[in-house]
Amino acid sequence: MPSNIDKHAVLVLINIAQADHLNGHIRRNVLDTRSTIFFLILSSVGLNAIKIATINPDFQ
C-alpha cells in the first residue's frame, strides 16, 4: 500500500509533466510565430525590392 509520501510524489510528478507538456506547446507556438513573422518580413522586403525594380529598372 503506497504511503502518503508516495502519493504526494506521484502528484508532484504529474504536475511537472503537465507543466512540461504545456511549455512544449507554448514553445512550439512561439517558434511557429517567429517563423511566420520572419517569412512575412522577408516577403515584404522582397516585394518592395520587386516594386522598386519595376519602377526604377536601374535600381541595384
N, C-alpha and C. Protein backbone atom coordinates (compact mmCIF):
# COMPACT_ATOMS: atom_id res chain seq x y z
N MET A 1 0.84 -1.18 0.00
CA MET A 1 0.00 0.00 0.00
C MET A 1 0.89 1.25 0.00
N PRO A 2 0.66 2.18 -0.99
CA PRO A 2 1.51 3.37 -1.08
C PRO A 2 1.32 4.30 0.12
N SER A 3 2.40 4.90 0.51
CA SER A 3 2.34 5.84 1.63
C SER A 3 1.88 7.20 1.11
N ASN A 4 1.61 8.09 2.06
CA ASN A 4 1.20 9.45 1.69
C ASN A 4 2.32 10.17 0.95
N ILE A 5 3.56 9.88 1.33
CA ILE A 5 4.70 10.50 0.66
C ILE A 5 4.75 10.04 -0.80
N ASP A 6 4.51 8.76 -1.05
CA ASP A 6 4.49 8.23 -2.42
C ASP A 6 3.37 8.88 -3.23
N LYS A 7 2.20 9.03 -2.63
CA LYS A 7 1.07 9.65 -3.32
C LYS A 7 1.39 11.11 -3.65
N HIS A 8 2.00 11.78 -2.69
CA HIS A 8 2.37 13.18 -2.92
C HIS A 8 3.42 13.28 -4.04
N ALA A 9 4.38 12.38 -4.04
CA ALA A 9 5.42 12.38 -5.07
C ALA A 9 4.80 12.16 -6.45
N VAL A 10 3.84 11.26 -6.53
CA VAL A 10 3.16 11.00 -7.80
C VAL A 10 2.43 12.25 -8.27
N LEU A 11 1.74 12.93 -7.37
CA LEU A 11 1.02 14.15 -7.74
C LEU A 11 1.98 15.25 -8.20
N VAL A 12 3.11 15.37 -7.53
CA VAL A 12 4.12 16.36 -7.93
C VAL A 12 4.64 16.03 -9.33
N LEU A 13 4.94 14.76 -9.58
CA LEU A 13 5.44 14.36 -10.90
C LEU A 13 4.40 14.59 -11.98
N ILE A 14 3.14 14.33 -11.67
CA ILE A 14 2.06 14.59 -12.64
C ILE A 14 1.98 16.07 -12.96
N ASN A 15 2.07 16.91 -11.92
CA ASN A 15 2.03 18.37 -12.15
C ASN A 15 3.21 18.83 -12.99
N ILE A 16 4.39 18.29 -12.73
CA ILE A 16 5.56 18.64 -13.52
C ILE A 16 5.38 18.22 -14.98
N ALA A 17 4.86 17.02 -15.18
CA ALA A 17 4.65 16.53 -16.55
C ALA A 17 3.63 17.39 -17.29
N GLN A 18 2.57 17.79 -16.62
CA GLN A 18 1.55 18.63 -17.26
C GLN A 18 2.13 20.01 -17.61
N ALA A 19 2.91 20.57 -16.69
CA ALA A 19 3.52 21.87 -16.95
C ALA A 19 4.51 21.76 -18.12
N ASP A 20 5.27 20.70 -18.17
CA ASP A 20 6.23 20.50 -19.25
C ASP A 20 5.51 20.34 -20.58
N HIS A 21 4.41 19.64 -20.59
CA HIS A 21 3.60 19.46 -21.80
C HIS A 21 3.10 20.82 -22.30
N LEU A 22 2.57 21.62 -21.39
CA LEU A 22 2.08 22.95 -21.75
C LEU A 22 3.22 23.83 -22.25
N ASN A 23 4.36 23.78 -21.58
CA ASN A 23 5.52 24.57 -22.01
C ASN A 23 5.97 24.17 -23.41
N GLY A 24 5.89 22.88 -23.72
CA GLY A 24 6.24 22.42 -25.06
C GLY A 24 5.32 23.01 -26.11
N HIS A 25 4.02 23.05 -25.82
CA HIS A 25 3.07 23.66 -26.76
C HIS A 25 3.36 25.14 -26.94
N ILE A 26 3.60 25.82 -25.85
CA ILE A 26 3.89 27.25 -25.92
C ILE A 26 5.17 27.49 -26.71
N ARG A 27 6.20 26.70 -26.45
CA ARG A 27 7.48 26.85 -27.15
C ARG A 27 7.29 26.66 -28.65
N ARG A 28 6.54 25.63 -29.04
CA ARG A 28 6.30 25.39 -30.47
C ARG A 28 5.51 26.54 -31.10
N ASN A 29 4.52 27.05 -30.37
CA ASN A 29 3.73 28.17 -30.89
C ASN A 29 4.59 29.42 -31.07
N VAL A 30 5.48 29.67 -30.12
CA VAL A 30 6.37 30.82 -30.24
C VAL A 30 7.28 30.66 -31.45
N LEU A 31 7.84 29.47 -31.63
CA LEU A 31 8.72 29.23 -32.78
C LEU A 31 7.96 29.37 -34.09
N ASP A 32 6.73 28.85 -34.13
CA ASP A 32 5.91 29.00 -35.34
C ASP A 32 5.62 30.47 -35.63
N THR A 33 5.31 31.22 -34.58
CA THR A 33 5.02 32.64 -34.74
C THR A 33 6.25 33.39 -35.23
N ARG A 34 7.42 33.07 -34.66
CA ARG A 34 8.66 33.72 -35.10
C ARG A 34 8.93 33.41 -36.56
N SER A 35 8.74 32.16 -36.95
CA SER A 35 8.96 31.77 -38.35
C SER A 35 8.02 32.51 -39.28
N THR A 36 6.76 32.64 -38.88
CA THR A 36 5.77 33.34 -39.70
C THR A 36 6.12 34.81 -39.85
N ILE A 37 6.49 35.44 -38.73
CA ILE A 37 6.85 36.86 -38.78
C ILE A 37 8.09 37.05 -39.67
N PHE A 38 9.08 36.19 -39.51
CA PHE A 38 10.29 36.27 -40.32
C PHE A 38 9.94 36.13 -41.81
N PHE A 39 9.08 35.16 -42.12
CA PHE A 39 8.65 34.95 -43.51
C PHE A 39 7.94 36.19 -44.05
N LEU A 40 7.04 36.77 -43.25
CA LEU A 40 6.31 37.95 -43.70
C LEU A 40 7.24 39.14 -43.91
N ILE A 41 8.21 39.28 -43.03
CA ILE A 41 9.17 40.37 -43.19
C ILE A 41 9.97 40.18 -44.48
N LEU A 42 10.47 38.96 -44.68
CA LEU A 42 11.24 38.70 -45.90
C LEU A 42 10.38 38.87 -47.14
N SER A 43 9.14 38.43 -47.07
CA SER A 43 8.23 38.59 -48.21
C SER A 43 8.01 40.07 -48.50
N SER A 44 7.82 40.84 -47.45
CA SER A 44 7.60 42.28 -47.62
C SER A 44 8.84 42.93 -48.22
N VAL A 45 10.01 42.57 -47.74
CA VAL A 45 11.25 43.13 -48.28
C VAL A 45 11.40 42.73 -49.74
N GLY A 46 11.12 41.48 -50.05
CA GLY A 46 11.22 41.00 -51.42
C GLY A 46 10.23 41.71 -52.33
N LEU A 47 9.00 41.90 -51.86
CA LEU A 47 8.00 42.58 -52.68
C LEU A 47 8.38 44.03 -52.89
N ASN A 48 8.91 44.67 -51.85
CA ASN A 48 9.34 46.06 -52.00
C ASN A 48 10.48 46.17 -53.00
N ALA A 49 11.41 45.22 -52.98
CA ALA A 49 12.51 45.23 -53.93
C ALA A 49 11.99 45.06 -55.36
N ILE A 50 11.00 44.19 -55.53
CA ILE A 50 10.41 43.98 -56.86
C ILE A 50 9.71 45.26 -57.33
N LYS A 51 8.97 45.91 -56.42
CA LYS A 51 8.28 47.15 -56.78
C LYS A 51 9.29 48.22 -57.18
N ILE A 52 10.36 48.36 -56.40
CA ILE A 52 11.38 49.36 -56.70
C ILE A 52 12.04 49.05 -58.04
N ALA A 53 12.36 47.79 -58.27
CA ALA A 53 13.00 47.40 -59.53
C ALA A 53 12.07 47.64 -60.72
N THR A 54 10.77 47.46 -60.50
CA THR A 54 9.80 47.68 -61.57
C THR A 54 9.69 49.17 -61.88
N ILE A 55 9.68 49.98 -60.83
CA ILE A 55 9.57 51.43 -61.02
C ILE A 55 10.87 52.00 -61.56
N ASN A 56 11.99 51.52 -61.03
CA ASN A 56 13.30 52.03 -61.42
C ASN A 56 14.19 50.86 -61.81
N PRO A 57 14.21 50.47 -63.08
CA PRO A 57 14.98 49.29 -63.50
C PRO A 57 16.48 49.40 -63.23
N ASP A 58 17.00 50.62 -63.07
CA ASP A 58 18.43 50.79 -62.79
C ASP A 58 18.78 50.61 -61.32
N PHE A 59 17.76 50.40 -60.49
CA PHE A 59 17.99 50.23 -59.04
C PHE A 59 18.76 48.95 -58.78
N GLN A 60 19.79 49.02 -57.96
CA GLN A 60 20.62 47.86 -57.66
C GLN A 60 20.33 47.36 -56.27
